[in-house]
Protein backbone atom coordinates (compact mmCIF):
# COMPACT_ATOMS: atom_id res chain seq x y z
CA LEU A 1 245.32 107.19 40.10
CA GLU A 2 248.35 107.97 42.41
CA ARG A 3 250.68 106.78 39.47
CA LEU A 4 248.57 108.73 36.92
CA VAL A 5 249.38 112.18 39.26
CA TRP A 6 252.89 111.11 39.68
CA LEU A 7 253.28 110.85 35.80
CA VAL A 8 251.24 114.37 35.11
CA ASN A 9 252.88 115.91 38.07
CA GLY A 10 256.67 115.19 37.05
CA SER A 11 257.82 114.43 40.52
CA PRO A 12 261.09 112.23 41.11
CA THR A 13 258.97 109.36 43.15
CA VAL A 14 255.45 108.97 43.43
CA TYR A 15 255.91 109.94 47.23
CA ASP A 16 256.98 113.72 46.16
CA ALA A 17 253.68 113.76 43.98
CA ILE A 18 251.28 112.21 46.69
CA PHE A 19 252.45 113.62 50.03
CA PRO A 20 255.37 116.29 49.25
CA GLU A 21 254.42 117.98 52.66
CA VAL A 22 255.40 114.83 54.59
CA ILE A 23 258.43 114.24 52.31
CA ASP A 24 259.93 117.97 53.28
CA HIS A 25 258.64 117.36 57.12
CA ILE A 26 261.26 114.28 57.35
CA GLU A 27 263.95 115.69 55.51
CA ARG A 28 263.83 119.26 57.58
CA ASN A 29 264.17 116.95 61.11
CA ALA A 30 266.62 113.90 59.79
CA GLU A 31 269.99 115.12 61.09
CA ASN A 32 271.61 112.97 58.88
CA ASP A 33 270.87 110.23 56.40
CA ARG A 34 268.07 110.82 53.98
CA GLU A 35 268.04 107.61 52.00
CA TYR A 36 264.95 106.47 54.38
CA ARG A 37 262.71 109.24 54.28
CA TYR A 38 260.42 107.76 51.57
CA VAL A 39 260.19 104.66 53.32
CA LEU A 40 259.46 106.55 56.74
CA ALA A 41 256.36 108.79 54.87
CA ASP A 42 255.00 105.46 53.21
CA HIS A 43 254.92 103.63 56.83
CA ALA A 44 253.81 106.06 58.33
CA ARG A 45 250.86 106.53 56.11
CA CYS A 46 250.42 102.79 56.47
CA LEU A 47 249.98 103.15 60.29
CA ALA A 48 247.59 106.61 60.27
CA PHE A 49 244.88 104.00 57.99
CA MET A 50 245.70 100.73 60.46
CA LEU A 51 245.15 102.56 63.62
CA GLY A 52 242.60 104.75 62.60
CA ASP A 53 241.04 101.42 61.53
CA GLY A 54 240.92 100.26 65.44
CA ILE A 55 243.62 97.54 64.67
CA VAL A 56 245.59 97.51 67.87
CA PRO A 57 249.06 96.43 67.91
CA SER A 58 249.92 92.90 69.44
CA ASN A 59 252.15 89.80 68.16
CA SER A 60 248.99 88.22 66.18
CA GLY A 61 247.19 88.58 63.19
CA ALA A 62 246.77 92.06 61.75
CA GLY A 63 247.98 93.76 65.00
CA TYR A 64 251.52 91.97 64.38
CA LEU A 65 252.03 93.88 61.20
CA ALA A 66 251.08 96.67 62.67
CA ARG A 67 253.55 96.34 65.49
CA LEU A 68 256.19 95.28 62.18
CA LEU A 69 255.66 98.37 61.12
CA ILE A 70 255.71 101.03 64.01
CA ARG A 71 259.71 98.86 64.57
CA ARG A 72 260.57 99.62 61.04
CA ALA A 73 259.46 102.78 61.06
CA LEU A 74 261.34 103.32 64.13
CA ARG A 75 264.80 101.52 62.99
CA PHE A 76 264.95 104.13 60.28
CA MET A 77 264.39 106.87 62.30
CA ASP A 78 267.32 106.14 64.41
CA LYS A 79 268.92 105.48 60.89
CA SER A 80 267.90 108.72 59.50
CA GLY A 81 268.65 110.81 63.04
CA TYR A 82 265.19 111.85 62.94
CA ARG A 83 264.63 114.36 65.79
CA ASP A 84 260.67 114.17 66.83
CA THR A 85 258.20 111.50 67.28
CA LEU A 86 256.92 108.85 64.54
CA PHE A 87 253.23 110.64 65.67
CA SER A 88 254.59 113.55 64.16
CA ILE A 89 255.16 112.20 60.57
CA VAL A 90 251.88 110.16 60.75
CA ALA A 91 250.05 113.75 62.20
CA LYS A 92 251.14 115.14 59.40
CA HIS A 93 249.42 112.64 56.97
CA ILE A 94 246.02 112.74 59.47
CA SER A 95 245.99 116.55 58.71
CA LEU A 96 246.22 116.12 55.04
CA LEU A 97 244.04 113.60 54.94
CA GLU A 98 241.57 114.34 57.54
CA GLN A 99 239.19 115.90 55.00
CA ASP A 100 238.59 113.21 52.86
CA PHE A 101 238.20 110.95 56.13
CA PRO A 102 237.09 112.57 58.82
CA GLU A 103 237.52 109.30 61.42
CA LEU A 104 241.53 109.98 60.91
CA ALA A 105 240.69 113.08 62.75
CA GLY A 106 239.03 111.70 65.56
CA ALA A 107 241.33 108.74 66.06
CA ARG A 108 243.98 111.32 66.06
CA ASP A 109 244.14 111.42 70.48
CA ARG A 110 244.71 107.07 70.59
CA ILE A 111 247.32 106.77 67.46
CA ASP A 112 248.83 109.17 69.07
CA GLU A 113 249.09 107.68 72.38
CA ILE A 114 249.13 103.90 70.72
CA LEU A 115 252.74 105.24 69.01
CA GLU A 116 254.14 106.66 72.59
CA ILE A 117 253.30 103.35 73.89
CA GLU A 118 254.82 101.45 71.70
CA THR A 119 258.02 103.34 70.66
CA GLY A 120 258.61 102.61 75.01
CA LYS A 121 258.08 99.19 74.07
CA PHE A 122 260.25 98.80 71.24
CA ARG A 123 263.07 100.69 73.00
CA ALA A 124 262.90 98.23 76.13
CA ALA A 125 262.75 95.32 73.71
CA VAL A 126 265.86 96.55 72.38
CA GLU A 127 267.71 97.29 75.40
CA LYS A 128 266.76 94.09 76.46
CA GLY A 129 267.43 92.30 73.37
CA ARG A 130 270.98 93.35 73.51
CA ALA A 131 271.67 91.84 76.82
CA MET A 132 270.08 88.35 75.58
CA VAL A 133 272.03 88.58 72.76
CA LYS A 134 275.57 88.36 74.41
CA ARG A 135 274.09 85.97 76.63
CA HIS A 136 272.97 83.79 74.04
CA MET A 137 276.21 83.80 72.95
CA LYS A 138 278.50 83.51 75.69
CA LYS A 139 276.75 80.23 76.29
CA GLU A 140 276.53 78.95 72.62
CA GLY A 141 278.82 80.46 70.77
CA LYS A 142 276.91 80.59 67.67
CA ILE A 143 273.20 81.74 66.14
CA THR A 144 271.82 80.12 64.14
CA ALA A 145 268.72 81.30 61.37
CA GLU A 146 266.37 79.49 63.84
CA LYS A 147 267.15 81.31 66.03
CA LEU A 148 267.84 84.77 64.63
CA ILE A 149 263.65 84.23 63.30
CA GLU A 150 262.84 83.47 67.30
CA PHE A 151 264.69 86.41 68.70
CA TYR A 152 263.01 88.64 66.13
CA ASP A 153 259.36 86.84 66.65
CA SER A 154 259.51 86.08 70.28
CA HIS A 155 261.51 88.97 71.56
CA GLY A 156 261.77 91.93 69.04
CA ILE A 157 265.60 91.72 68.22
CA HIS A 158 265.75 92.72 65.05
CA PRO A 159 268.07 90.70 63.26
CA GLU A 160 270.55 94.52 62.31
CA ILE A 161 270.71 94.33 66.15
CA VAL A 162 271.69 90.81 66.43
CA LYS A 163 274.18 91.00 63.74
CA GLU A 164 276.09 94.44 65.48
CA ILE A 165 276.78 92.73 68.49
CA ALA A 166 277.45 88.78 67.24
CA GLY A 167 278.69 89.40 63.91
CA VAL A 168 275.96 86.99 62.09
CA GLU A 169 274.89 86.98 58.91
CA VAL A 170 271.55 87.95 58.00
CA PRO A 171 269.95 85.19 55.60
CA ALA A 172 268.45 87.35 52.40
CA ASN A 173 264.84 85.95 52.74
CA PHE A 174 264.90 86.17 56.29
CA GLU A 175 261.21 88.15 56.47
CA SER A 176 259.75 85.02 54.19
CA MET A 177 261.30 82.40 56.85
CA VAL A 178 259.78 84.89 59.00
CA ALA A 179 256.14 84.79 57.22
CA ASP A 180 256.56 81.11 56.79
CA ARG A 181 256.77 80.55 60.78
CA HIS A 182 253.72 82.47 60.68
CA LEU A 183 251.62 80.61 58.62
CA LYS A 184 252.82 77.34 60.27
CA ALA A 185 251.53 78.49 63.70
CA GLN A 186 248.09 79.78 61.78
CA LYS A 187 247.16 76.57 60.66
CA LYS A 188 244.54 75.14 62.88
CA GLU A 189 244.47 71.91 64.84
CA LYS A 190 242.60 69.35 63.31
CA ARG A 191 238.98 69.19 64.50
CA GLU A 192 237.38 66.29 65.66
CA GLU A 193 235.94 64.53 63.39
CA MET A 194 232.47 64.28 63.22
CA PRO A 195 230.34 61.44 61.78
CA SER A 196 228.49 61.80 58.86
CA TYR A 197 224.71 61.54 58.61
CA ASP A 198 222.07 61.46 56.15
CA VAL A 199 219.43 63.37 58.31
CA SER A 200 218.53 66.54 59.54
CA THR A 201 217.28 68.00 63.04
CA VAL A 202 215.26 71.03 62.47
CA PRO A 203 216.37 74.08 65.40
CA LEU A 204 213.26 74.21 67.02
CA TYR A 205 215.18 76.79 69.56
CA TYR A 206 215.29 79.35 67.41
CA GLU A 207 211.64 79.94 66.81
CA LYS A 208 210.65 78.48 70.11
CA ASP A 209 213.98 80.10 72.40
CA TYR A 210 211.61 80.52 75.39
CA ALA A 211 210.07 76.87 75.28
CA SER A 212 211.66 74.34 77.52
CA GLU A 213 210.01 71.09 76.43
CA PHE A 214 209.10 69.25 73.06
CA ASP A 215 208.21 66.40 71.57
CA ALA A 216 210.36 64.65 69.09
CA GLU A 217 211.33 60.84 67.38
CA ILE A 218 214.23 59.29 67.70
CA VAL A 219 215.89 58.54 63.92
CA ILE A 220 219.18 57.22 64.71
CA ALA A 221 220.67 55.81 67.83
CA ASP A 222 224.04 54.93 68.03
CA GLY A 223 225.55 53.68 71.26
CA THR A 224 224.39 56.49 73.86
CA THR A 225 224.38 59.07 71.07
CA VAL A 226 221.02 59.76 69.33
CA ILE A 227 219.95 62.28 66.54
CA LEU A 228 216.13 63.86 66.53
CA ASP A 229 214.21 64.92 64.23
CA GLN A 230 214.27 67.95 65.49
CA THR A 231 215.06 69.75 69.34
CA LEU A 232 215.26 72.29 71.23
CA PHE A 233 218.64 71.72 73.08
CA TYR A 234 220.88 74.13 71.49
CA PRO A 235 224.49 72.71 70.12
CA GLU A 236 227.71 74.38 71.83
CA GLY A 237 228.79 76.89 69.43
CA GLY A 238 229.68 80.88 69.11
CA GLY A 239 230.99 80.93 72.61
CA GLU A 240 228.02 79.16 74.35
CA ARG A 241 228.22 75.95 76.17
CA THR A 242 225.47 73.49 75.43
CA ASP A 243 222.26 72.66 76.60
CA THR A 244 221.52 69.93 78.96
CA GLY A 245 218.62 68.48 80.28
CA VAL A 246 216.61 65.12 79.54
CA LEU A 247 215.03 62.78 77.50
CA VAL A 248 212.13 60.68 78.55
CA GLN A 249 211.22 57.37 76.15
CA ASN A 250 208.70 54.85 77.97
CA GLY A 251 209.20 55.36 81.04
CA VAL A 252 213.09 55.53 80.77
CA THR A 253 215.06 58.84 81.59
CA ALA A 254 218.61 59.43 80.12
CA GLN A 255 220.33 62.13 80.84
CA VAL A 256 221.44 64.91 78.04
CA LYS A 257 225.18 65.10 78.57
CA GLU A 258 225.72 67.77 75.06
CA ALA A 259 224.31 68.35 72.01
CA LYS A 260 226.90 69.00 69.25
CA LYS A 261 226.47 69.56 65.30
CA ALA A 262 227.28 66.88 62.41
CA GLY A 263 226.58 68.63 59.66
CA ASN A 264 222.92 69.28 59.82
CA ALA A 265 222.24 66.83 62.47
CA ILE A 266 222.45 67.68 65.89
CA LEU A 267 223.84 64.73 68.00
CA HIS A 268 222.66 64.30 72.01
CA VAL A 269 225.35 62.70 74.26
CA LEU A 270 223.29 60.58 76.93
CA ASP A 271 224.17 58.70 80.10
CA ARG A 272 222.15 55.51 78.61
CA LYS A 273 221.03 54.16 75.91
CA LEU A 274 217.74 54.68 73.89
CA LYS A 275 215.97 53.18 70.76
CA LYS A 276 214.54 54.70 67.85
CA GLY A 277 211.21 56.11 67.85
CA LYS A 278 209.16 58.80 70.11
CA VAL A 279 210.80 61.08 73.13
CA HIS A 280 210.08 63.95 75.21
CA GLY A 281 212.60 66.08 75.84
CA THR A 282 213.00 68.99 78.52
CA ILE A 283 215.70 71.63 78.39
CA ASP A 284 217.24 72.69 81.99
CA TRP A 285 215.32 75.82 81.55
CA GLU A 286 217.74 77.38 84.62
CA ARG A 287 220.67 77.04 82.57
CA ARG A 288 219.54 78.06 79.56
CA TYR A 289 218.03 81.12 80.67
CA ALA A 290 221.21 82.08 82.89
CA MET A 291 223.74 81.41 79.29
CA MET A 292 220.81 83.27 77.43
CA ARG A 293 221.31 86.48 79.87
CA HIS A 294 225.08 86.23 79.77
CA HIS A 295 224.78 86.38 76.20
CA THR A 296 222.89 89.13 75.38
CA ALA A 297 225.60 90.94 78.57
CA THR A 298 228.45 89.75 76.59
CA HIS A 299 227.05 91.91 73.43
CA ILE A 300 225.99 94.98 75.70
CA ILE A 301 229.85 94.66 77.71
CA ASN A 302 231.18 94.94 73.94
CA ALA A 303 229.18 98.15 72.87
CA ALA A 304 229.96 99.42 76.23
CA ALA A 305 233.64 98.49 76.13
CA ARG A 306 233.50 100.34 72.49
CA THR A 307 231.89 103.58 74.20
CA VAL A 308 234.36 104.17 76.89
CA LEU A 309 237.73 102.93 75.47
CA GLY A 310 236.91 104.03 71.79
CA ASP A 311 235.98 102.60 68.41
CA HIS A 312 239.38 100.55 67.82
CA VAL A 313 237.56 97.98 70.33
CA TRP A 314 236.49 94.85 68.38
CA GLN A 315 235.53 91.38 70.22
CA ALA A 316 238.92 88.78 70.17
CA GLY A 317 236.75 86.21 72.03
CA SER A 318 234.24 85.47 74.21
CA GLU A 319 232.51 82.08 76.22
CA LEU A 320 229.92 81.86 78.82
CA ASP A 321 227.90 79.19 80.60
CA GLU A 322 225.28 79.61 83.24
CA HIS A 323 227.83 81.23 86.00
CA GLU A 324 229.70 84.14 84.34
CA ALA A 325 230.62 84.99 81.01
CA ARG A 326 234.17 86.34 79.81
CA LEU A 327 234.82 88.61 76.74
CA ASP A 328 238.28 89.45 75.33
CA ILE A 329 238.44 92.65 73.57
CA THR A 330 241.40 94.15 71.58
CA HIS A 331 242.85 97.12 73.37
CA TYR A 332 246.23 98.53 73.46
CA LYS A 333 246.53 98.89 77.31
CA ARG A 334 245.75 97.91 80.59
CA ILE A 335 241.98 98.91 81.39
CA ASN A 336 242.13 100.88 84.62
CA GLU A 337 239.37 100.64 87.45
CA GLU A 338 237.40 103.82 86.35
CA GLU A 339 237.34 102.87 82.61
CA THR A 340 235.86 99.49 84.42
CA GLU A 341 233.56 101.13 86.39
CA ARG A 342 232.40 103.58 83.32
CA ILE A 343 231.55 100.10 81.16
CA GLU A 344 229.88 98.42 84.15
CA LYS A 345 227.93 101.80 84.01
CA VAL A 346 227.16 102.04 80.54
CA ALA A 347 226.34 98.53 80.45
CA ASN A 348 223.37 98.86 82.88
CA GLU A 349 222.11 102.00 81.58
CA VAL A 350 221.63 99.92 78.43
CA VAL A 351 219.75 97.07 80.51
CA ALA A 352 217.70 99.57 82.46
CA ARG A 353 216.48 101.13 79.09
CA ALA A 354 214.35 97.98 78.12
CA ILE A 355 215.43 97.82 74.81
CA PRO A 356 214.19 94.75 72.05
CA VAL A 357 216.67 92.22 71.22
CA GLU A 358 215.95 91.50 67.87
CA LYS A 359 216.73 88.19 66.48
CA THR A 360 216.47 88.03 62.48
CA PHE A 361 217.24 85.78 59.40
CA MET A 362 218.44 87.73 56.44
CA PRO A 363 220.67 87.82 53.52
CA ARG A 364 223.85 88.47 53.86
CA GLU A 365 223.86 91.25 51.29
CA GLU A 366 220.98 92.88 53.05
CA ALA A 367 222.82 92.80 56.38
CA GLU A 368 226.24 93.94 54.95
CA ALA A 369 224.37 96.88 53.55
CA ARG A 370 222.39 97.87 56.49
CA PHE A 371 224.47 96.93 59.63
CA GLY A 372 228.04 97.37 57.72
CA PHE A 373 231.07 94.95 58.92
CA ARG A 374 230.66 95.32 62.72
CA LEU A 375 228.52 92.65 61.96
CA TYR A 376 231.23 90.42 62.57
CA GLN A 377 232.52 90.83 66.04
CA GLY A 378 232.58 87.32 66.35
CA GLY A 379 234.31 86.91 63.11
CA ALA A 380 232.39 85.99 59.58
CA PRO A 381 230.16 83.10 58.61
CA LYS A 382 230.27 81.23 55.38
CA SER A 383 226.87 81.16 54.87
CA SER A 384 225.21 83.22 52.52
CA GLU A 385 221.95 83.56 54.86
CA LEU A 386 222.70 85.03 58.29
CA ARG A 387 221.34 84.92 62.01
CA VAL A 388 221.43 88.94 63.06
CA VAL A 389 221.02 89.72 66.44
CA ASN A 390 220.30 94.00 67.16
CA ILE A 391 219.89 95.62 70.02
CA GLU A 392 218.61 99.12 68.29
CA GLY A 393 221.56 102.16 68.72
CA VAL A 394 223.77 99.42 71.27
CA ASP A 395 225.12 96.90 69.12
CA THR A 396 224.20 94.64 65.89
CA GLU A 397 226.34 91.21 65.31
CA ALA A 398 225.77 88.42 63.31
CA CYS A 399 224.95 85.31 65.71
CA GLY A 400 224.00 82.13 66.14
CA GLY A 401 223.46 81.82 69.88
CA MET A 402 220.65 82.24 72.11
CA HIS A 403 219.59 85.78 73.96
CA VAL A 404 216.64 87.39 75.90
CA ASP A 405 214.07 89.28 73.97
CA ASN A 406 214.43 92.87 75.94
CA THR A 407 217.89 94.37 77.80
CA ALA A 408 215.69 94.35 80.96
CA GLU A 409 215.42 90.71 81.65
CA ILE A 410 219.22 90.60 82.52
CA GLY A 411 218.26 92.69 85.35
CA PHE A 412 222.00 93.54 86.32
CA ILE A 413 225.56 93.31 84.95
CA LYS A 414 228.59 92.69 87.72
CA ILE A 415 232.09 92.91 86.06
CA THR A 416 234.21 90.56 88.44
CA GLY A 417 237.57 90.66 87.05
CA LEU A 418 239.93 91.94 84.26
CA GLU A 419 243.33 90.06 82.73
CA ARG A 420 245.66 90.77 80.32
CA LEU A 421 245.55 87.62 78.14
CA GLN A 422 248.03 88.83 75.96
CA ASP A 423 249.54 91.63 74.57
CA GLY A 424 247.11 93.78 72.59
CA VAL A 425 244.02 91.80 74.40
CA GLU A 426 242.57 92.09 77.38
CA ARG A 427 239.76 89.20 79.48
CA ILE A 428 236.38 91.56 81.13
CA ARG A 429 234.83 88.74 83.17
CA PHE A 430 231.37 89.05 84.23
CA CYS A 431 228.18 87.51 85.21
CA ALA A 432 224.48 88.80 84.89
CA GLY A 433 220.73 88.23 86.21
CA GLU A 434 220.66 85.86 89.70
CA ARG A 435 224.28 85.09 89.35
CA ALA A 436 225.26 88.76 89.45
CA LEU A 437 223.17 89.29 92.61
CA GLU A 438 224.67 86.17 93.77
CA TYR A 439 228.09 87.21 93.13
CA MET A 440 227.33 90.61 95.32
CA GLN A 441 225.96 88.68 98.07
CA ARG A 442 229.27 87.00 97.96
CA GLN A 443 231.38 89.82 98.18
CA GLU A 444 229.12 91.40 101.12
CA ARG A 445 229.66 88.34 102.93
CA LEU A 446 232.90 88.51 102.73
CA LEU A 447 233.21 92.17 103.76
CA ARG A 448 231.08 91.05 107.39
CA ASP A 449 233.38 88.47 107.61
CA VAL A 450 236.50 91.06 107.50
CA ALA A 451 234.64 93.39 109.73
CA ALA A 452 233.71 91.00 112.28
CA VAL A 453 237.75 89.88 112.74
CA LEU A 454 239.29 93.30 112.93
CA GLY A 455 236.41 94.67 114.74
CA ALA A 456 234.72 97.49 113.11
CA GLN A 457 231.77 98.34 110.76
CA PRO A 458 232.11 97.32 107.26
CA GLU A 459 232.20 101.26 106.20
CA ASN A 460 235.74 101.36 108.63
CA VAL A 461 237.27 97.80 107.38
CA VAL A 462 239.71 99.91 105.25
CA LYS A 463 241.05 102.39 107.68
CA ALA A 464 241.03 99.51 110.51
CA ALA A 465 243.34 97.35 108.23
CA GLU A 466 245.56 99.96 107.58
CA LYS A 467 245.95 99.96 111.26
CA LEU A 468 246.68 96.69 111.52
CA VAL A 469 249.64 96.97 108.74
CA ARG A 470 250.69 99.76 110.51
CA GLU A 471 251.33 97.86 114.04
CA TRP A 472 252.13 94.33 112.76
CA LYS A 473 255.16 96.34 110.26
CA SER A 474 256.31 98.04 113.78
CA ALA A 475 256.10 94.69 115.67
CA ARG A 476 257.88 92.81 112.79
CA LYS A 477 260.37 95.64 112.94
CA GLU A 478 260.97 94.86 117.05
CA VAL A 479 261.26 91.48 116.29
CA GLU A 480 263.64 91.72 113.63
CA HIS A 481 265.84 94.25 115.98
CA LEU A 482 265.54 91.49 119.05
CA GLN A 483 266.08 88.28 116.56
CA LYS A 484 269.05 90.43 115.24
CA ASN A 485 271.10 90.79 118.38
CA MET A 486 270.55 87.34 119.53
CA GLY A 487 274.09 86.63 117.78
CA ALA A 488 275.19 88.20 121.14
CA GLY A 489 274.30 84.93 123.11
CA ALA A 490 275.45 82.39 120.23
CA VAL A 491 277.70 79.72 121.25
CA ALA A 492 281.59 80.05 120.09
CA TYR A 493 283.31 76.97 118.62
CA GLU A 494 286.47 77.99 116.69
CA GLY A 495 285.70 81.41 116.40
CA VAL A 496 282.51 80.80 114.86
CA LYS A 497 279.13 82.19 116.19
CA ILE A 498 276.71 79.42 116.07
CA ILE A 499 273.70 80.58 116.44
CA THR A 500 270.47 77.99 117.02
CA SER A 501 267.47 80.48 117.50
CA ASP A 502 264.25 79.30 116.23
CA ASN A 503 261.33 80.74 113.56
CA LEU A 504 264.23 83.67 112.94
CA LEU A 505 262.66 85.95 109.70
CA PRO A 506 264.74 85.59 106.72
CA SER A 507 266.09 89.45 107.07
CA ALA A 508 267.30 88.70 110.49
CA ILE A 509 269.28 85.39 109.23
CA LYS A 510 270.85 87.80 106.79
CA GLU A 511 271.76 90.29 108.96
CA LEU A 512 273.53 87.30 111.97
CA THR A 513 275.66 85.61 109.31
CA ARG A 514 277.63 88.67 107.96
CA GLU A 515 281.04 87.22 109.15
CA LYS A 516 282.07 84.27 111.24
CA ALA A 517 278.58 83.27 112.11
CA VAL A 518 276.25 80.21 111.45
CA VAL A 519 272.14 80.13 111.45
CA ILE A 520 270.60 76.81 112.21
CA SER A 521 266.80 77.62 112.46
CA GLY A 522 264.03 75.41 112.55
CA SER A 523 260.00 76.52 111.96
CA VAL A 524 256.94 74.53 111.33
CA LYS A 525 254.42 75.89 108.92
CA ASN A 526 251.38 74.49 108.00
CA GLU A 527 252.33 71.25 109.88
CA ARG A 528 255.67 70.77 108.34
CA ALA A 529 258.89 71.72 109.29
CA ILE A 530 261.68 73.69 108.39
CA LEU A 531 265.24 73.95 108.84
CA THR A 532 267.21 76.87 107.49
CA ILE A 533 271.07 76.57 107.46
CA ALA A 534 272.92 79.79 106.72
CA SER A 535 276.51 80.47 107.28
CA SER A 536 278.03 83.97 106.56
CA PRO A 537 280.50 83.67 102.89
CA ASP A 538 283.70 84.27 104.64
CA LEU A 539 283.15 80.97 106.17
CA PRO A 540 284.28 77.81 104.02
CA ILE A 541 281.36 75.92 104.96
CA ASP A 542 278.78 74.35 102.00
CA CYS A 543 274.98 74.86 103.64
CA SER A 544 274.05 72.68 101.02
CA GLU A 545 275.66 69.89 101.23
CA ILE A 546 274.99 70.25 104.95
CA ALA A 547 270.82 70.28 104.36
CA ARG A 548 270.82 67.14 101.88
CA GLU A 549 272.55 65.00 104.52
CA VAL A 550 270.25 66.14 107.31
CA GLY A 551 267.52 65.69 105.00
CA LYS A 552 267.92 61.77 104.73
CA MET A 553 266.26 62.26 108.00
CA MET A 554 263.25 63.83 106.78
CA ASP A 555 262.11 64.39 103.21
CA GLY A 556 264.81 65.54 101.46
CA GLY A 557 267.23 69.04 101.21
CA GLY A 558 269.27 71.23 99.25
CA GLY A 559 269.86 75.06 98.62
CA LYS A 560 272.97 77.02 97.91
CA LYS A 561 276.23 77.21 99.26
CA THR A 562 275.57 80.09 101.77
CA ILE A 563 271.86 78.97 102.42
CA ALA A 564 270.04 75.96 102.39
CA GLN A 565 266.90 73.86 103.56
CA ALA A 566 265.52 70.57 104.79
CA GLY A 567 261.74 69.82 105.12
CA GLY A 568 259.75 66.86 106.62
CA SER A 569 257.67 66.03 109.74
CA PRO A 570 257.62 68.15 112.59
CA GLU A 571 258.57 64.92 114.82
CA ARG A 572 262.04 64.88 113.41
CA LEU A 573 262.61 68.29 113.27
CA ALA A 574 264.50 68.35 116.97
CA GLU A 575 266.76 65.27 116.00
CA ALA A 576 267.43 67.11 112.85
CA LYS A 577 268.65 70.27 114.36
CA GLU A 578 270.83 68.57 116.56
CA LYS A 579 272.21 66.19 113.92
CA ALA A 580 273.03 69.90 111.53
CA ILE A 581 274.82 71.56 114.52
CA GLU A 582 276.98 67.94 114.95
CA LEU A 583 277.43 68.72 110.91
CA VAL A 584 278.33 72.24 110.99
CA LYS A 585 280.92 71.72 114.25
CA ALA A 586 282.95 69.04 112.04
CA GLU A 587 282.81 70.69 109.07
CA ILE A 588 284.49 73.87 110.92
CA THR A 589 286.66 71.63 112.75
CA ARG A 590 287.35 69.90 109.35
CA ARG A 591 288.29 73.17 107.15
CA MET A 592 290.01 74.60 109.96
CA LYS A 593 292.72 71.99 110.24
CA LYS A 594 293.31 72.87 106.52
């Protein structure tokens, strides 16, 4: 259609026909070269849709492509002397598209923030990159094609910057070489090849998800691995750990250490051999129920994060067992404390609403038509039939894991930690139910213990800690002052002050070795002795050599010319110190005679 509009319009290019306002905007704000106006306009339009659809710039997958486009656009802006921000061009597109794509208007602020953050990262990468390339050239004298790709792919240093600094030739197929590198990286490691069995195991855990005991028959016994005709043991998958429990046969009990899928069969790995025939199975219900709570809580946390942080949030991975769960989500910056509290609050509001958790098998086409592609938070399964887990009005996902029947069963969700897994991916750690209560009780015990040590009530712990830190800092300054004045009592040898006080602080050692001085200071920490030898830069003494020699009496030693250490048993410290003093004096005498 766009080409048809171009043909009818008679414009110089398709860009002039489709978004002339954007081209005009770029031309008015570019100081010199107009050569890049079309590619800038095209990249900005693409970014409006990519970022509007929730793609978060990163170093992998679709996020890598978004970052690639952003940085390419920024380079073209620099070349053309464009005076405004990249978002100013993207915003122009949004204003032209928002009538047909209203979701872009809703994402405007988020897109602006993402582009501001990415611009800052690009500028920092360029500055860091220039220094990195110069260091490499100084050391190696050349830059290979592979190194050129590494600079670009791992550090964000564009080959044109490298060419400007080092004068290297950029391969004509450079971008293809980068793409090939990514394709190789995306090739998954070969999975463990599972034996093929011409049998099927009926998964009872879906229709009887609250049952803990069952009867079955061992149809294949292969060492300590057996296959049952039906089972309640959930095999590990979708980030959820395997069920464990026991199988009993004729009074013999075998522990089920692991259940895993092999085609249509489910393998049960035991701690002892069992024979073909009837068995009675019991799963570890406490473990299973804790994981059911954690799995449903994972879906709720995902939905809560999307509510608080924005529609760009997608699940990037998850893992759970009976103790805790973790959810990896796409997000363009660190999650702060206020956002964490809001996510937790929203999640627990869902728990308190006691919403039924529907678990239904349905045809793929029907599920997609009803719920859309948000179904595939954990990835798109290949089967034509999906098991859909639906928490009405909160979250709907295609999921084969074990879940509770109602959100109220979770009891309580507590976020226990956050970390940045990689650029563009945040990890949320949490626990639910009894595990959440146990976590809170541990935190309360810790608070009471700290309060007891500080001699304060729990509610006054922060004030008491602040007072203690102030007093400690004041005392440390006083100690530093006293230690720095110890030089007055030093032993003079050939015009050099030799200070042998123990337990000196690093700052005091530095102050004492400013001029014509040597410090030999011992200390003992965690049942290990450390002997520090330091000298002022104006003395022709190599402390590392002395530390290595003294280290022969201990467990070794070494360091720099002006400061070094030897470490070992506290029993040898006094002897090692005397040896160090002797070596220092000998070194001073030898050097002075020269």
